[in-house]
Amino acid sequence: MRNLTVVLLMLIAGAAHADEFTKEDVARWQAEYEMVAREGRKLWTSGELGTNGVACAQCHPNAANTHAETYPKFQKQLGRVGDLWEMVNWCIRNPLQGKELAADDPKMIAIVSYIHKERKGVPLAPGKH
């Protein structure tokens, strides 16, 4: 019983410190996000994701009409409820004629970060059409 008490106290103590961070931490994390979003913009505006030279920005300049705030939602092209990264893959496979990316691929993280950065401030509205 004593061992269980010690473990529980350690977990509680660790949880109390989990949300503690400095202004420097926040600045570093924000800079990291900005760097990843910039990489996403580079991918978005290049033809690198496909095989036919088409770029995401040709249909969606500045991530327009991506409506990231509405995902997950039913997406006609997918025929089911899907998330934003799945629709990005649909566009990579179809209009760009490229190979899809895993959800955790650094390129996908960058693209989705860029889309969210462009849509910053728009209220969340999952499921909205």
N, C-alpha and C. Protein backbone atom coordinates (compact mmCIF):
# COMPACT_ATOMS: atom_id res chain seq x y z
N MET A 1 0.83 -1.19 0.00
CA MET A 1 0.00 0.00 0.00
C MET A 1 0.87 1.25 0.00
N ARG A 2 1.98 1.20 0.75
CA ARG A 2 2.87 2.35 0.82
C ARG A 2 3.43 2.69 -0.56
N ASN A 3 3.80 1.65 -1.34
CA ASN A 3 4.33 1.88 -2.69
C ASN A 3 3.29 2.55 -3.59
N LEU A 4 2.05 2.14 -3.48
CA LEU A 4 0.98 2.75 -4.26
C LEU A 4 0.83 4.22 -3.90
N THR A 5 0.91 4.54 -2.63
CA THR A 5 0.80 5.93 -2.17
C THR A 5 1.94 6.77 -2.74
N VAL A 6 3.14 6.23 -2.72
CA VAL A 6 4.30 6.94 -3.25
C VAL A 6 4.12 7.19 -4.75
N VAL A 7 3.68 6.19 -5.48
CA VAL A 7 3.47 6.33 -6.92
C VAL A 7 2.40 7.39 -7.19
N LEU A 8 1.31 7.35 -6.46
CA LEU A 8 0.25 8.34 -6.66
C LEU A 8 0.73 9.75 -6.36
N LEU A 9 1.49 9.92 -5.29
CA LEU A 9 2.04 11.24 -4.96
C LEU A 9 2.99 11.73 -6.05
N MET A 10 3.79 10.84 -6.62
CA MET A 10 4.69 11.23 -7.69
C MET A 10 3.92 11.66 -8.94
N LEU A 11 2.84 10.94 -9.26
CA LEU A 11 2.03 11.31 -10.41
C LEU A 11 1.36 12.67 -10.21
N ILE A 12 0.83 12.89 -9.02
CA ILE A 12 0.19 14.17 -8.71
C ILE A 12 1.21 15.30 -8.78
N ALA A 13 2.37 15.11 -8.21
CA ALA A 13 3.42 16.13 -8.22
C ALA A 13 3.86 16.42 -9.65
N GLY A 14 4.01 15.39 -10.46
CA GLY A 14 4.40 15.58 -11.86
C GLY A 14 3.35 16.33 -12.64
N ALA A 15 2.08 16.04 -12.39
CA ALA A 15 1.00 16.71 -13.09
C ALA A 15 0.94 18.19 -12.73
N ALA A 16 1.26 18.52 -11.49
CA ALA A 16 1.22 19.91 -11.06
C ALA A 16 2.25 20.74 -11.81
N HIS A 17 3.36 20.14 -12.23
CA HIS A 17 4.42 20.87 -12.93
C HIS A 17 4.28 20.79 -14.45
N ALA A 18 3.40 19.97 -14.94
CA ALA A 18 3.29 19.75 -16.38
C ALA A 18 2.92 21.02 -17.13
N ASP A 19 2.15 21.91 -16.55
CA ASP A 19 1.70 23.11 -17.23
C ASP A 19 2.56 24.32 -16.93
N GLU A 20 3.66 24.13 -16.23
CA GLU A 20 4.53 25.25 -15.91
C GLU A 20 5.56 25.42 -17.00
N PHE A 21 5.62 26.62 -17.56
CA PHE A 21 6.61 26.92 -18.57
C PHE A 21 6.91 28.42 -18.54
N THR A 22 8.03 28.78 -19.12
CA THR A 22 8.49 30.15 -19.07
C THR A 22 8.10 30.91 -20.34
N LYS A 23 8.27 32.21 -20.30
CA LYS A 23 8.05 33.03 -21.49
C LYS A 23 9.00 32.61 -22.61
N GLU A 24 10.21 32.22 -22.22
CA GLU A 24 11.18 31.75 -23.20
C GLU A 24 10.70 30.47 -23.87
N ASP A 25 10.07 29.58 -23.09
CA ASP A 25 9.51 28.36 -23.67
C ASP A 25 8.48 28.71 -24.73
N VAL A 26 7.55 29.60 -24.37
CA VAL A 26 6.48 29.98 -25.29
C VAL A 26 7.07 30.61 -26.56
N ALA A 27 8.04 31.49 -26.40
CA ALA A 27 8.67 32.13 -27.55
C ALA A 27 9.35 31.09 -28.45
N ARG A 28 10.03 30.14 -27.85
CA ARG A 28 10.71 29.09 -28.61
C ARG A 28 9.69 28.22 -29.36
N TRP A 29 8.61 27.87 -28.68
CA TRP A 29 7.58 27.03 -29.30
C TRP A 29 6.89 27.78 -30.44
N GLN A 30 6.62 29.06 -30.24
CA GLN A 30 5.99 29.86 -31.30
C GLN A 30 6.91 29.97 -32.51
N ALA A 31 8.20 30.17 -32.25
CA ALA A 31 9.17 30.25 -33.36
C ALA A 31 9.22 28.93 -34.13
N GLU A 32 9.15 27.83 -33.42
CA GLU A 32 9.15 26.51 -34.07
C GLU A 32 7.91 26.35 -34.95
N TYR A 33 6.76 26.75 -34.42
CA TYR A 33 5.51 26.69 -35.20
C TYR A 33 5.63 27.55 -36.46
N GLU A 34 6.12 28.76 -36.31
CA GLU A 34 6.25 29.68 -37.45
C GLU A 34 7.16 29.07 -38.51
N MET A 35 8.24 28.43 -38.09
CA MET A 35 9.17 27.81 -39.02
C MET A 35 8.47 26.67 -39.80
N VAL A 36 7.70 25.86 -39.09
CA VAL A 36 6.99 24.75 -39.73
C VAL A 36 5.92 25.29 -40.68
N ALA A 37 5.19 26.32 -40.26
CA ALA A 37 4.17 26.92 -41.13
C ALA A 37 4.80 27.54 -42.38
N ARG A 38 5.98 28.14 -42.25
CA ARG A 38 6.68 28.69 -43.42
C ARG A 38 7.04 27.56 -44.40
N GLU A 39 7.48 26.44 -43.86
CA GLU A 39 7.76 25.28 -44.71
C GLU A 39 6.49 24.81 -45.41
N GLY A 40 5.38 24.84 -44.69
CA GLY A 40 4.09 24.47 -45.28
C GLY A 40 3.71 25.40 -46.42
N ARG A 41 3.96 26.70 -46.24
CA ARG A 41 3.67 27.66 -47.32
C ARG A 41 4.54 27.37 -48.54
N LYS A 42 5.82 27.02 -48.32
CA LYS A 42 6.69 26.68 -49.45
C LYS A 42 6.14 25.47 -50.21
N LEU A 43 5.71 24.45 -49.47
CA LEU A 43 5.13 23.27 -50.12
C LEU A 43 3.84 23.63 -50.84
N TRP A 44 3.03 24.47 -50.21
CA TRP A 44 1.72 24.88 -50.73
C TRP A 44 1.85 25.60 -52.07
N THR A 45 2.91 26.38 -52.21
CA THR A 45 3.06 27.21 -53.40
C THR A 45 3.96 26.60 -54.46
N SER A 46 4.51 25.42 -54.18
CA SER A 46 5.37 24.76 -55.15
C SER A 46 4.62 23.61 -55.81
N GLY A 47 5.16 23.08 -56.85
CA GLY A 47 4.58 21.90 -57.48
C GLY A 47 5.18 20.61 -56.97
N GLU A 48 5.92 20.71 -55.88
CA GLU A 48 6.69 19.58 -55.34
C GLU A 48 5.84 18.41 -54.83
N LEU A 49 4.60 18.66 -54.45
CA LEU A 49 3.78 17.59 -53.86
C LEU A 49 3.18 16.66 -54.91
N GLY A 50 3.17 17.09 -56.15
CA GLY A 50 2.57 16.28 -57.20
C GLY A 50 3.57 15.97 -58.30
N THR A 51 3.02 15.45 -59.40
CA THR A 51 3.87 15.07 -60.53
C THR A 51 3.59 15.91 -61.77
N ASN A 52 2.60 16.80 -61.69
CA ASN A 52 2.19 17.54 -62.88
C ASN A 52 2.45 19.05 -62.81
N GLY A 53 3.20 19.49 -61.80
CA GLY A 53 3.53 20.91 -61.68
C GLY A 53 2.45 21.76 -61.05
N VAL A 54 1.30 21.17 -60.72
CA VAL A 54 0.22 21.92 -60.09
C VAL A 54 0.54 22.12 -58.61
N ALA A 55 0.26 23.30 -58.10
CA ALA A 55 0.49 23.61 -56.69
C ALA A 55 -0.86 23.84 -56.00
N CYS A 56 -0.91 23.55 -54.73
CA CYS A 56 -2.12 23.78 -53.94
C CYS A 56 -2.61 25.22 -54.10
N ALA A 57 -1.66 26.15 -54.14
CA ALA A 57 -1.99 27.58 -54.21
C ALA A 57 -2.70 27.98 -55.49
N GLN A 58 -2.63 27.16 -56.52
CA GLN A 58 -3.32 27.50 -57.76
C GLN A 58 -4.83 27.47 -57.58
N CYS A 59 -5.33 26.58 -56.75
CA CYS A 59 -6.76 26.52 -56.46
C CYS A 59 -7.10 27.23 -55.15
N HIS A 60 -6.14 27.26 -54.24
CA HIS A 60 -6.37 27.80 -52.90
C HIS A 60 -5.28 28.80 -52.52
N PRO A 61 -5.23 29.98 -53.17
CA PRO A 61 -4.21 30.95 -52.78
C PRO A 61 -4.38 31.33 -51.31
N ASN A 62 -3.26 31.39 -50.60
CA ASN A 62 -3.29 31.70 -49.15
C ASN A 62 -4.22 30.77 -48.38
N ALA A 63 -4.32 29.54 -48.82
CA ALA A 63 -5.16 28.51 -48.18
C ALA A 63 -6.64 28.87 -48.18
N ALA A 64 -7.05 29.73 -49.13
CA ALA A 64 -8.46 30.12 -49.23
C ALA A 64 -9.33 28.91 -49.54
N ASN A 65 -10.52 28.94 -49.04
CA ASN A 65 -11.53 27.91 -49.27
C ASN A 65 -11.14 26.53 -48.77
N THR A 66 -10.19 26.46 -47.86
CA THR A 66 -9.85 25.17 -47.25
C THR A 66 -10.75 24.90 -46.05
N HIS A 67 -11.23 25.96 -45.42
CA HIS A 67 -12.15 25.88 -44.29
C HIS A 67 -11.70 24.87 -43.24
N ALA A 68 -10.46 25.01 -42.82
CA ALA A 68 -9.88 24.10 -41.83
C ALA A 68 -10.70 24.03 -40.56
N GLU A 69 -11.35 25.12 -40.23
CA GLU A 69 -12.13 25.20 -38.99
C GLU A 69 -13.38 24.32 -39.02
N THR A 70 -13.76 23.80 -40.19
CA THR A 70 -14.98 22.99 -40.29
C THR A 70 -14.73 21.49 -40.19
N TYR A 71 -13.47 21.10 -40.12
CA TYR A 71 -13.13 19.66 -40.02
C TYR A 71 -13.07 19.23 -38.57
N PRO A 72 -13.39 17.96 -38.30
CA PRO A 72 -13.85 16.92 -39.23
C PRO A 72 -15.27 17.20 -39.69
N LYS A 73 -15.55 16.72 -40.90
CA LYS A 73 -16.89 16.87 -41.48
C LYS A 73 -17.07 15.84 -42.58
N PHE A 74 -18.35 15.67 -43.00
CA PHE A 74 -18.61 14.80 -44.15
C PHE A 74 -18.03 15.49 -45.37
N GLN A 75 -17.23 14.75 -46.10
CA GLN A 75 -16.60 15.31 -47.29
C GLN A 75 -17.02 14.46 -48.49
N LYS A 76 -17.73 15.09 -49.42
CA LYS A 76 -18.28 14.38 -50.57
C LYS A 76 -17.19 13.60 -51.34
N GLN A 77 -16.03 14.21 -51.53
CA GLN A 77 -14.97 13.55 -52.28
C GLN A 77 -14.51 12.26 -51.60
N LEU A 78 -14.55 12.23 -50.28
CA LEU A 78 -14.14 11.04 -49.52
C LEU A 78 -15.28 10.05 -49.34
N GLY A 79 -16.51 10.57 -49.39
CA GLY A 79 -17.69 9.72 -49.18
C GLY A 79 -17.93 9.38 -47.73
N ARG A 80 -17.34 10.16 -46.82
CA ARG A 80 -17.47 9.91 -45.39
C ARG A 80 -16.98 11.13 -44.61
N VAL A 81 -17.10 11.04 -43.30
CA VAL A 81 -16.53 12.07 -42.44
C VAL A 81 -15.02 11.90 -42.44
N GLY A 82 -14.32 12.97 -42.68
CA GLY A 82 -12.87 12.92 -42.70
C GLY A 82 -12.28 14.15 -42.04
N ASP A 83 -10.99 14.12 -41.85
CA ASP A 83 -10.28 15.24 -41.24
C ASP A 83 -9.53 16.01 -42.33
N LEU A 84 -9.03 17.17 -41.99
CA LEU A 84 -8.37 18.06 -42.94
C LEU A 84 -7.22 17.37 -43.67
N TRP A 85 -6.38 16.65 -42.96
CA TRP A 85 -5.23 16.02 -43.60
C TRP A 85 -5.66 15.01 -44.66
N GLU A 86 -6.83 14.38 -44.47
CA GLU A 86 -7.32 13.43 -45.45
C GLU A 86 -7.74 14.15 -46.73
N MET A 87 -8.31 15.33 -46.59
CA MET A 87 -8.69 16.11 -47.76
C MET A 87 -7.45 16.66 -48.46
N VAL A 88 -6.44 17.03 -47.70
CA VAL A 88 -5.17 17.44 -48.31
C VAL A 88 -4.64 16.28 -49.16
N ASN A 89 -4.69 15.07 -48.63
CA ASN A 89 -4.23 13.90 -49.39
C ASN A 89 -5.08 13.68 -50.64
N TRP A 90 -6.38 13.91 -50.55
CA TRP A 90 -7.24 13.76 -51.72
C TRP A 90 -6.76 14.70 -52.83
N CYS A 91 -6.45 15.94 -52.45
CA CYS A 91 -5.97 16.91 -53.43
C CYS A 91 -4.60 16.52 -53.97
N ILE A 92 -3.73 16.00 -53.12
CA ILE A 92 -2.41 15.56 -53.59
C ILE A 92 -2.57 14.42 -54.60
N ARG A 93 -3.43 13.46 -54.29
CA ARG A 93 -3.63 12.30 -55.18
C ARG A 93 -4.30 12.69 -56.49
N ASN A 94 -5.26 13.58 -56.44
CA ASN A 94 -6.10 13.85 -57.61
C ASN A 94 -5.61 15.06 -58.41
N PRO A 95 -5.92 16.29 -58.02
CA PRO A 95 -5.46 17.40 -58.86
C PRO A 95 -3.94 17.47 -59.03
N LEU A 96 -3.17 17.13 -57.99
CA LEU A 96 -1.71 17.23 -58.09
C LEU A 96 -1.07 15.96 -58.65
N GLN A 97 -1.83 14.87 -58.70
CA GLN A 97 -1.35 13.58 -59.19
C GLN A 97 -0.05 13.15 -58.49
N GLY A 98 -0.09 13.25 -57.15
CA GLY A 98 1.07 12.88 -56.35
C GLY A 98 0.78 11.71 -55.43
N LYS A 99 1.74 11.41 -54.58
CA LYS A 99 1.61 10.33 -53.61
C LYS A 99 1.17 10.91 -52.28
N GLU A 100 0.17 10.29 -51.68
CA GLU A 100 -0.33 10.80 -50.41
C GLU A 100 0.74 10.71 -49.32
N LEU A 101 0.52 11.53 -48.29
CA LEU A 101 1.43 11.61 -47.15
C LEU A 101 0.75 11.02 -45.92
N ALA A 102 1.53 10.42 -45.04
CA ALA A 102 0.99 9.96 -43.75
C ALA A 102 0.59 11.18 -42.93
N ALA A 103 -0.35 11.00 -42.04
CA ALA A 103 -0.82 12.10 -41.20
C ALA A 103 0.31 12.71 -40.39
N ASP A 104 1.29 11.90 -40.01
CA ASP A 104 2.39 12.40 -39.18
C ASP A 104 3.65 12.72 -39.99
N ASP A 105 3.54 12.70 -41.31
CA ASP A 105 4.67 13.08 -42.15
C ASP A 105 4.99 14.56 -41.90
N PRO A 106 6.26 14.92 -41.74
CA PRO A 106 6.60 16.33 -41.51
C PRO A 106 6.05 17.27 -42.58
N LYS A 107 5.95 16.81 -43.82
CA LYS A 107 5.36 17.65 -44.87
C LYS A 107 3.88 17.90 -44.60
N MET A 108 3.16 16.86 -44.17
CA MET A 108 1.74 17.02 -43.88
C MET A 108 1.55 17.95 -42.68
N ILE A 109 2.37 17.78 -41.65
CA ILE A 109 2.30 18.66 -40.48
C ILE A 109 2.54 20.10 -40.92
N ALA A 110 3.51 20.32 -41.80
CA ALA A 110 3.80 21.66 -42.28
C ALA A 110 2.63 22.24 -43.07
N ILE A 111 2.06 21.46 -43.96
CA ILE A 111 0.94 21.94 -44.77
C ILE A 111 -0.25 22.30 -43.89
N VAL A 112 -0.61 21.42 -42.98
CA VAL A 112 -1.75 21.68 -42.10
C VAL A 112 -1.46 22.87 -41.19
N SER A 113 -0.22 23.01 -40.73
CA SER A 113 0.15 24.17 -39.91
C SER A 113 -0.05 25.46 -40.70
N TYR A 114 0.37 25.46 -41.95
CA TYR A 114 0.20 26.64 -42.79
C TYR A 114 -1.29 26.96 -42.98
N ILE A 115 -2.09 25.95 -43.28
CA ILE A 115 -3.53 26.17 -43.47
C ILE A 115 -4.13 26.79 -42.21
N HIS A 116 -3.82 26.21 -41.06
CA HIS A 116 -4.37 26.73 -39.80
C HIS A 116 -3.87 28.15 -39.52
N LYS A 117 -2.62 28.43 -39.87
CA LYS A 117 -2.09 29.78 -39.67
C LYS A 117 -2.89 30.79 -40.50
N GLU A 118 -3.19 30.43 -41.73
CA GLU A 118 -3.96 31.33 -42.60
C GLU A 118 -5.41 31.50 -42.10
N ARG A 119 -5.93 30.51 -41.41
CA ARG A 119 -7.32 30.55 -40.93
C ARG A 119 -7.41 31.00 -39.47
N LYS A 120 -6.29 31.42 -38.90
CA LYS A 120 -6.25 31.83 -37.49
C LYS A 120 -7.31 32.89 -37.20
N GLY A 121 -8.00 32.69 -36.10
CA GLY A 121 -9.03 33.64 -35.68
C GLY A 121 -10.43 33.28 -36.15
N VAL A 122 -10.53 32.34 -37.09
CA VAL A 122 -11.85 31.92 -37.55
C VAL A 122 -12.39 30.92 -36.53
N PRO A 123 -13.60 31.13 -36.02
CA PRO A 123 -14.14 30.22 -34.99
C PRO A 123 -14.26 28.79 -35.49
N LEU A 124 -14.01 27.84 -34.59
CA LEU A 124 -14.18 26.43 -34.91
C LEU A 124 -15.65 26.16 -35.23
N ALA A 125 -15.88 25.33 -36.23
CA ALA A 125 -17.24 24.97 -36.62
C ALA A 125 -17.25 23.57 -37.22
N PRO A 126 -16.80 22.54 -36.45
CA PRO A 126 -16.74 21.18 -36.99
C PRO A 126 -18.07 20.75 -37.58
N GLY A 127 -18.00 20.08 -38.73
CA GLY A 127 -19.19 19.56 -39.38
C GLY A 127 -19.91 20.54 -40.27
N LYS A 128 -19.51 21.81 -40.26
CA LYS A 128 -20.21 22.84 -41.03
C LYS A 128 -19.91 22.73 -42.52
N HIS A 129 -20.93 23.01 -43.32
CA HIS A 129 -20.75 23.10 -44.80
C HIS A 129 -21.18 24.46 -45.26
